[in-house]
PDB file of N, CA and C in Angstrom:
ATOM      1  N   UNK A   1      88.716  75.346 162.210  1.00  0.00           N
ATOM      2  CA  UNK A   1      88.194  76.581 161.630  1.00  0.00           C
ATOM      3  C   UNK A   1      86.817  76.860 162.214  1.00  0.00           C
ATOM      4  N   UNK A   2      86.564  78.095 162.547  1.00  0.00           N
ATOM      5  CA  UNK A   2      85.281  78.441 163.158  1.00  0.00           C
ATOM      6  C   UNK A   2      84.168  78.440 162.119  1.00  0.00           C
ATOM      7  N   UNK A   3      82.960  78.193 162.602  1.00  0.00           N
ATOM      8  CA  UNK A   3      81.794  78.172 161.728  1.00  0.00           C
ATOM      9  C   UNK A   3      81.422  79.596 161.322  1.00  0.00           C
ATOM     10  N   UNK A   4      80.951  79.724 160.087  1.00  0.00           N
ATOM     11  CA  UNK A   4      80.452  81.020 159.631  1.00  0.00           C
ATOM     12  C   UNK A   4      79.058  81.229 160.201  1.00  0.00           C
ATOM     13  N   UNK A   5      78.757  82.448 160.510  1.00  0.00           N
ATOM     14  CA  UNK A   5      77.444  82.798 161.057  1.00  0.00           C
ATOM     15  C   UNK A   5      76.446  82.997 159.922  1.00  0.00           C
ATOM     16  N   UNK A   6      75.334  82.246 159.927  1.00  0.00           N
ATOM     17  CA  UNK A   6      74.288  82.481 158.919  1.00  0.00           C
ATOM     18  C   UNK A   6      73.648  83.853 159.152  1.00  0.00           C
ATOM     19  N   UNK A   7      73.416  84.578 158.063  1.00  0.00           N
ATOM     20  CA  UNK A   7      72.856  85.928 158.177  1.00  0.00           C
ATOM     21  C   UNK A   7      71.987  86.198 156.949  1.00  0.00           C
ATOM     22  N   UNK A   8      70.937  86.995 157.146  1.00  0.00           N
ATOM     23  CA  UNK A   8      70.075  87.342 156.012  1.00  0.00           C
ATOM     24  C   UNK A   8      70.784  88.366 155.132  1.00  0.00           C
ATOM     25  N   UNK A   9      70.380  88.431 153.866  1.00  0.00           N
ATOM     26  CA  UNK A   9      70.962  89.414 152.945  1.00  0.00           C
ATOM     27  C   UNK A   9      70.761  90.829 153.470  1.00  0.00           C
ATOM     28  N   UNK A  10      69.585  91.107 154.020  1.00  0.00           N
ATOM     29  CA  UNK A  10      69.272  92.449 154.521  1.00  0.00           C
ATOM     30  C   UNK A  10      70.219  92.826 155.659  1.00  0.00           C
ATOM     31  N   UNK A  11      70.396  91.922 156.618  1.00  0.00           N
ATOM     32  CA  UNK A  11      71.289  92.221 157.742  1.00  0.00           C
ATOM     33  C   UNK A  11      72.737  92.351 157.282  1.00  0.00           C
ATOM     34  N   UNK A  12      73.136  91.518 156.346  1.00  0.00           N
ATOM     35  CA  UNK A  12      74.502  91.582 155.825  1.00  0.00           C
ATOM     36  C   UNK A  12      74.742  92.904 155.098  1.00  0.00           C
ATOM     37  N   UNK A  13      73.762  93.365 154.348  1.00  0.00           N
ATOM     38  CA  UNK A  13      73.897  94.654 153.663  1.00  0.00           C
ATOM     39  C   UNK A  13      73.983  95.809 154.664  1.00  0.00           C
ATOM     40  N   UNK A  14      73.262  95.705 155.769  1.00  0.00           N
ATOM     41  CA  UNK A  14      73.347  96.738 156.807  1.00  0.00           C
ATOM     42  C   UNK A  14      74.772  96.812 157.363  1.00  0.00           C
ATOM     43  N   UNK A  15      75.352  95.659 157.657  1.00  0.00           N
ATOM     44  CA  UNK A  15      76.727  95.604 158.168  1.00  0.00           C
ATOM     45  C   UNK A  15      77.701  96.136 157.109  1.00  0.00           C
ATOM     46  N   UNK A  16      77.546  95.672 155.878  1.00  0.00           N
ATOM     47  CA  UNK A  16      78.442  96.083 154.790  1.00  0.00           C
ATOM     48  C   UNK A  16      78.411  97.592 154.581  1.00  0.00           C
ATOM     49  N   UNK A  17      77.222  98.165 154.564  1.00  0.00           N
ATOM     50  CA  UNK A  17      77.107  99.604 154.324  1.00  0.00           C
ATOM     51  C   UNK A  17      77.633 100.419 155.501  1.00  0.00           C
ATOM     52  N   UNK A  18      77.546  99.878 156.704  1.00  0.00           N
ATOM     53  CA  UNK A  18      78.142 100.535 157.869  1.00  0.00           C
ATOM     54  C   UNK A  18      79.665 100.550 157.710  1.00  0.00           C
ATOM     55  N   UNK A  19      80.236  99.413 157.305  1.00  0.00           N
ATOM     56  CA  UNK A  19      81.686  99.336 157.083  1.00  0.00           C
ATOM     57  C   UNK A  19      82.128 100.293 155.975  1.00  0.00           C
ATOM     58  N   UNK A  20      81.338 100.379 154.910  1.00  0.00           N
ATOM     59  CA  UNK A  20      81.662 101.288 153.806  1.00  0.00           C
ATOM     60  C   UNK A  20      81.734 102.725 154.313  1.00  0.00           C
ATOM     61  N   UNK A  21      80.727 103.137 155.072  1.00  0.00           N
ATOM     62  CA  UNK A  21      80.671 104.525 155.540  1.00  0.00           C
ATOM     63  C   UNK A  21      81.791 104.847 156.512  1.00  0.00           C
ATOM     64  N   UNK A  22      82.257 103.847 157.259  1.00  0.00           N
ATOM     65  CA  UNK A  22      83.331 104.073 158.233  1.00  0.00           C
ATOM     66  C   UNK A  22      84.716 103.960 157.606  1.00  0.00           C
ATOM     67  N   UNK A  23      84.791 103.461 156.375  1.00  0.00           N
ATOM     68  CA  UNK A  23      86.083 103.231 155.718  1.00  0.00           C
ATOM     69  C   UNK A  23      86.712 104.547 155.275  1.00  0.00           C
ATOM     70  N   UNK A  24      88.034 104.625 155.352  1.00  0.00           N
ATOM     71  CA  UNK A  24      88.731 105.875 154.981  1.00  0.00           C
ATOM     72  C   UNK A  24      88.593 106.214 153.497  1.00  0.00           C
ATOM     73  N   UNK A  25      88.302 105.226 152.657  1.00  0.00           N
ATOM     74  CA  UNK A  25      88.148 105.473 151.218  1.00  0.00           C
ATOM     75  C   UNK A  25      86.693 105.644 150.789  1.00  0.00           C
ATOM     76  N   UNK A  26      85.805 105.886 151.761  1.00  0.00           N
ATOM     77  CA  UNK A  26      84.385 106.084 151.456  1.00  0.00           C
ATOM     78  C   UNK A  26      84.195 107.299 150.548  1.00  0.00           C
ATOM     79  N   UNK A  27      83.329 107.143 149.545  1.00  0.00           N
ATOM     80  CA  UNK A  27      82.934 108.252 148.675  1.00  0.00           C
ATOM     81  C   UNK A  27      81.429 108.445 148.802  1.00  0.00           C
ATOM     82  N   UNK A  28      80.976 109.674 148.739  1.00  0.00           N
ATOM     83  CA  UNK A  28      79.557 109.959 148.834  1.00  0.00           C
ATOM     84  C   UNK A  28      78.788 109.165 147.781  1.00  0.00           C
ATOM     85  N   UNK A  29      77.765 108.442 148.209  1.00  0.00           N
ATOM     86  CA  UNK A  29      76.949 107.664 147.290  1.00  0.00           C
ATOM     87  C   UNK A  29      77.380 106.205 147.169  1.00  0.00           C
ATOM     88  N   UNK A  30      78.524 105.872 147.753  1.00  0.00           N
ATOM     89  CA  UNK A  30      79.020 104.495 147.704  1.00  0.00           C
ATOM     90  C   UNK A  30      78.156 103.636 148.623  1.00  0.00           C
ATOM     91  N   UNK A  31      77.583 102.557 148.052  1.00  0.00           N
ATOM     92  CA  UNK A  31      76.648 101.753 148.824  1.00  0.00           C
ATOM     93  C   UNK A  31      76.476 100.379 148.169  1.00  0.00           C
ATOM     94  N   UNK A  32      76.474  99.345 148.999  1.00  0.00           N
ATOM     95  CA  UNK A  32      76.171  97.998 148.502  1.00  0.00           C
ATOM     96  C   UNK A  32      74.650  97.845 148.492  1.00  0.00           C
ATOM     97  N   UNK A  33      74.107  97.405 147.346  1.00  0.00           N
ATOM     98  CA  UNK A  33      72.649  97.269 147.235  1.00  0.00           C
ATOM     99  C   UNK A  33      72.209  95.815 147.138  1.00  0.00           C
ATOM    100  N   UNK A  34      73.166  94.897 146.871  1.00  0.00           N
ATOM    101  CA  UNK A  34      72.823  93.479 146.836  1.00  0.00           C
ATOM    102  C   UNK A  34      74.060  92.655 147.170  1.00  0.00           C
ATOM    103  N   UNK A  35      73.810  91.418 147.584  1.00  0.00           N
ATOM    104  CA  UNK A  35      74.902  90.498 147.902  1.00  0.00           C
ATOM    105  C   UNK A  35      74.453  89.089 147.541  1.00  0.00           C
ATOM    106  N   UNK A  36      75.381  88.311 147.003  1.00  0.00           N
ATOM    107  CA  UNK A  36      75.116  86.896 146.768  1.00  0.00           C
ATOM    108  C   UNK A  36      76.374  86.130 147.137  1.00  0.00           C
ATOM    109  N   UNK A  37      76.209  84.850 147.353  1.00  0.00           N
ATOM    110  CA  UNK A  37      77.338  84.022 147.753  1.00  0.00           C
ATOM    111  C   UNK A  37      77.693  83.074 146.613  1.00  0.00           C
ATOM    112  N   UNK A  38      78.959  83.110 146.204  1.00  0.00           N
ATOM    113  CA  UNK A  38      79.438  82.228 145.133  1.00  0.00           C
ATOM    114  C   UNK A  38      80.678  81.515 145.647  1.00  0.00           C
ATOM    115  N   UNK A  39      80.597  80.193 145.753  1.00  0.00           N
ATOM    116  CA  UNK A  39      81.737  79.387 146.213  1.00  0.00           C
ATOM    117  C   UNK A  39      82.324  79.912 147.517  1.00  0.00           C
ATOM    118  N   UNK A  40      81.472  80.143 148.500  1.00  0.00           N
ATOM    119  CA  UNK A  40      81.871  80.613 149.837  1.00  0.00           C
ATOM    120  C   UNK A  40      82.428  82.034 149.870  1.00  0.00           C
ATOM    121  N   UNK A  41      82.262  82.783 148.789  1.00  0.00           N
ATOM    122  CA  UNK A  41      82.697  84.172 148.757  1.00  0.00           C
ATOM    123  C   UNK A  41      81.474  85.061 148.571  1.00  0.00           C
ATOM    124  N   UNK A  42      81.369  86.085 149.407  1.00  0.00           N
ATOM    125  CA  UNK A  42      80.270  87.042 149.293  1.00  0.00           C
ATOM    126  C   UNK A  42      80.611  88.050 148.200  1.00  0.00           C
ATOM    127  N   UNK A  43      79.683  88.239 147.270  1.00  0.00           N
ATOM    128  CA  UNK A  43      79.881  89.163 146.155  1.00  0.00           C
ATOM    129  C   UNK A  43      78.896  90.319 146.337  1.00  0.00           C
ATOM    130  N   UNK A  44      79.451  91.501 146.554  1.00  0.00           N
ATOM    131  CA  UNK A  44      78.628  92.695 146.763  1.00  0.00           C
ATOM    132  C   UNK A  44      78.495  93.467 145.466  1.00  0.00           C
ATOM    133  N   UNK A  45      77.317  94.066 145.277  1.00  0.00           N
ATOM    134  CA  UNK A  45      77.060  94.868 144.083  1.00  0.00           C
ATOM    135  C   UNK A  45      76.386  96.168 144.493  1.00  0.00           C
ATOM    136  N   UNK A  46      76.525  97.150 143.614  1.00  0.00           N
ATOM    137  CA  UNK A  46      75.915  98.450 143.870  1.00  0.00           C
ATOM    138  C   UNK A  46      76.256  99.392 142.734  1.00  0.00           C
ATOM    139  N   UNK A  47      76.113 100.674 142.975  1.00  0.00           N
ATOM    140  CA  UNK A  47      76.396 101.714 141.988  1.00  0.00           C
ATOM    141  C   UNK A  47      77.895 101.749 141.699  1.00  0.00           C
ATOM    142  N   UNK A  48      78.254 101.687 140.417  1.00  0.00           N
ATOM    143  CA  UNK A  48      79.668 101.712 140.036  1.00  0.00           C
ATOM    144  C   UNK A  48      80.117 103.051 139.460  1.00  0.00           C
ATOM    145  N   UNK A  49      79.240 104.052 139.456  1.00  0.00           N
ATOM    146  CA  UNK A  49      79.593 105.391 139.001  1.00  0.00           C
ATOM    147  C   UNK A  49      80.177 105.397 137.582  1.00  0.00           C
ATOM    148  N   UNK A  50      79.503 104.707 136.679  1.00  0.00           N
ATOM    149  CA  UNK A  50      79.939 104.689 135.282  1.00  0.00           C
ATOM    150  C   UNK A  50      79.486 105.957 134.573  1.00  0.00           C
ATOM    151  N   UNK A  51      80.134 106.278 133.456  1.00  0.00           N
ATOM    152  CA  UNK A  51      79.710 107.424 132.652  1.00  0.00           C
ATOM    153  C   UNK A  51      78.423 107.053 131.916  1.00  0.00           C
ATOM    154  N   UNK A  52      77.814 108.021 131.257  1.00  0.00           N
ATOM    155  CA  UNK A  52      76.605 107.761 130.471  1.00  0.00           C
ATOM    156  C   UNK A  52      76.868 106.748 129.360  1.00  0.00           C
ATOM    157  N   UNK A  53      78.119 106.631 128.953  1.00  0.00           N
ATOM    158  CA  UNK A  53      78.499 105.671 127.919  1.00  0.00           C
ATOM    159  C   UNK A  53      78.853 104.296 128.514  1.00  0.00           C
ATOM    160  N   UNK A  54      78.738 104.178 129.832  1.00  0.00           N
ATOM    161  CA  UNK A  54      79.033 102.904 130.483  1.00  0.00           C
ATOM    162  C   UNK A  54      80.503 102.667 130.761  1.00  0.00           C
ATOM    163  N   UNK A  55      81.287 103.722 130.683  1.00  0.00           N
ATOM    164  CA  UNK A  55      82.725 103.600 130.929  1.00  0.00           C
ATOM    165  C   UNK A  55      83.050 103.885 132.396  1.00  0.00           C
ATOM    166  N   UNK A  56      84.110 103.274 132.914  1.00  0.00           N
ATOM    167  CA  UNK A  56      84.482 103.502 134.311  1.00  0.00           C
ATOM    168  C   UNK A  56      85.007 104.915 134.542  1.00  0.00           C
ATOM    169  N   UNK A  57      84.840 105.388 135.754  1.00  0.00           N
ATOM    170  CA  UNK A  57      85.366 106.683 136.195  1.00  0.00           C
ATOM    171  C   UNK A  57      86.357 106.409 137.325  1.00  0.00           C
ATOM    172  N   UNK A  58      86.938 107.454 137.876  1.00  0.00           N
ATOM    173  CA  UNK A  58      87.849 107.284 139.018  1.00  0.00           C
ATOM    174  C   UNK A  58      87.121 106.629 140.190  1.00  0.00           C
ATOM    175  N   UNK A  59      85.860 106.978 140.361  1.00  0.00           N
ATOM    176  CA  UNK A  59      85.082 106.405 141.465  1.00  0.00           C
ATOM    177  C   UNK A  59      84.836 104.913 141.271  1.00  0.00           C
ATOM    178  N   UNK A  60      84.780 104.451 140.017  1.00  0.00           N
ATOM    179  CA  UNK A  60      84.510 103.044 139.729  1.00  0.00           C
ATOM    180  C   UNK A  60      85.559 102.147 140.390  1.00  0.00           C
ATOM    181  N   UNK A  61      86.818 102.521 140.274  1.00  0.00           N
ATOM    182  CA  UNK A  61      87.898 101.743 140.879  1.00  0.00           C
ATOM    183  C   UNK A  61      87.756 101.723 142.396  1.00  0.00           C
ATOM    184  N   UNK A  62      87.409 102.851 142.988  1.00  0.00           N
ATOM    185  CA  UNK A  62      87.234 102.926 144.439  1.00  0.00           C
ATOM    186  C   UNK A  62      86.104 102.004 144.904  1.00  0.00           C
ATOM    187  N   UNK A  63      85.011 101.978 144.155  1.00  0.00           N
ATOM    188  CA  UNK A  63      83.876 101.118 144.507  1.00  0.00           C
ATOM    189  C   UNK A  63      84.258  99.647 144.362  1.00  0.00           C
ATOM    190  N   UNK A  64      84.912  99.312 143.260  1.00  0.00           N
ATOM    191  CA  UNK A  64      85.360  97.935 143.050  1.00  0.00           C
ATOM    192  C   UNK A  64      86.251  97.485 144.207  1.00  0.00           C
ATOM    193  N   UNK A  65      87.200  98.326 144.589  1.00  0.00           N
ATOM    194  CA  UNK A  65      88.099  97.980 145.693  1.00  0.00           C
ATOM    195  C   UNK A  65      87.357  97.843 147.014  1.00  0.00           C
ATOM    196  N   UNK A  66      86.341  98.671 147.220  1.00  0.00           N
ATOM    197  CA  UNK A  66      85.555  98.590 148.454  1.00  0.00           C
ATOM    198  C   UNK A  66      84.782  97.276 148.507  1.00  0.00           C
ATOM    199  N   UNK A  67      84.158  96.881 147.397  1.00  0.00           N
ATOM    200  CA  UNK A  67      83.405  95.625 147.371  1.00  0.00           C
ATOM    201  C   UNK A  67      84.342  94.429 147.546  1.00  0.00           C
ATOM    202  N   UNK A  68      85.544  94.542 147.009  1.00  0.00           N
ATOM    203  CA  UNK A  68      86.554  93.492 147.195  1.00  0.00           C
ATOM    204  C   UNK A  68      86.951  93.405 148.672  1.00  0.00           C
ATOM    205  N   UNK A  69      87.123  94.555 149.306  1.00  0.00           N
ATOM    206  CA  UNK A  69      87.438  94.626 150.736  1.00  0.00           C
ATOM    207  C   UNK A  69      86.334  93.945 151.560  1.00  0.00           C
ATOM    208  N   UNK A  70      85.076  94.258 151.239  1.00  0.00           N
ATOM    209  CA  UNK A  70      83.948  93.655 151.954  1.00  0.00           C
ATOM    210  C   UNK A  70      83.948  92.139 151.779  1.00  0.00           C
ATOM    211  N   UNK A  71      84.155  91.680 150.552  1.00  0.00           N
ATOM    212  CA  UNK A  71      84.167  90.244 150.276  1.00  0.00           C
ATOM    213  C   UNK A  71      85.258  89.561 151.076  1.00  0.00           C
ATOM    214  N   UNK A  72      86.421  90.153 151.098  1.00  0.00           N
ATOM    215  CA  UNK A  72      87.565  89.573 151.798  1.00  0.00           C
ATOM    216  C   UNK A  72      87.297  89.463 153.303  1.00  0.00           C
ATOM    217  N   UNK A  73      86.743  90.511 153.886  1.00  0.00           N
ATOM    218  CA  UNK A  73      86.541  90.539 155.336  1.00  0.00           C
ATOM    219  C   UNK A  73      85.276  89.820 155.798  1.00  0.00           C
ATOM    220  N   UNK A  74      84.178  89.996 155.084  1.00  0.00           N
ATOM    221  CA  UNK A  74      82.906  89.438 155.562  1.00  0.00           C
ATOM    222  C   UNK A  74      82.703  87.977 155.171  1.00  0.00           C
ATOM    223  N   UNK A  75      83.374  87.518 154.111  1.00  0.00           N
ATOM    224  CA  UNK A  75      83.220  86.109 153.693  1.00  0.00           C
ATOM    225  C   UNK A  75      83.777  85.149 154.739  1.00  0.00           C
ATOM    226  N   UNK A  76      84.730  85.600 155.520  1.00  0.00           N
ATOM    227  CA  UNK A  76      85.301  84.766 156.592  1.00  0.00           C
ATOM    228  C   UNK A  76      84.307  84.556 157.726  1.00  0.00           C
ATOM    229  N   UNK A  77      83.457  85.551 157.939  1.00  0.00           N
ATOM    230  CA  UNK A  77      82.566  85.572 159.098  1.00  0.00           C
ATOM    231  C   UNK A  77      81.150  85.052 158.828  1.00  0.00           C
ATOM    232  N   UNK A  78      80.623  85.345 157.623  1.00  0.00           N
ATOM    233  CA  UNK A  78      79.207  85.125 157.378  1.00  0.00           C
ATOM    234  C   UNK A  78      78.920  84.237 156.175  1.00  0.00           C
ATOM    235  N   UNK A  79      77.737  83.623 156.230  1.00  0.00           N
ATOM    236  CA  UNK A  79      77.172  82.919 155.085  1.00  0.00           C
ATOM    237  C   UNK A  79      75.720  83.369 154.954  1.00  0.00           C
ATOM    238  N   UNK A  80      75.266  83.570 153.734  1.00  0.00           N
ATOM    239  CA  UNK A  80      73.892  84.035 153.509  1.00  0.00           C
ATOM    240  C   UNK A  80      72.933  82.868 153.738  1.00  0.00           C
ATOM    241  N   UNK A  81      71.911  83.143 154.576  1.00  0.00           N
ATOM    242  CA  UNK A  81      70.929  82.069 154.843  1.00  0.00           C
ATOM    243  C   UNK A  81      69.713  82.210 153.973  1.00  0.00           C
TER     244      UNK A  81
END
């Protein structure tokens, strides 16, 4: 198995947000604002487009799926240094 490339959180967020913007399911305002590593999996966080009452909207599911996509693809390649 190949070694994961160590990368700073800032650089990883730049890559993640580039992937988000290029993705076919991109929504205006969708953006990863933080990342942490838990058990070799990168966990991305950002705006979830909740209602004022804190309830999910249609966009919430899209954002969740996008962050899951990022975790699946980038966790294979990178580790946060």
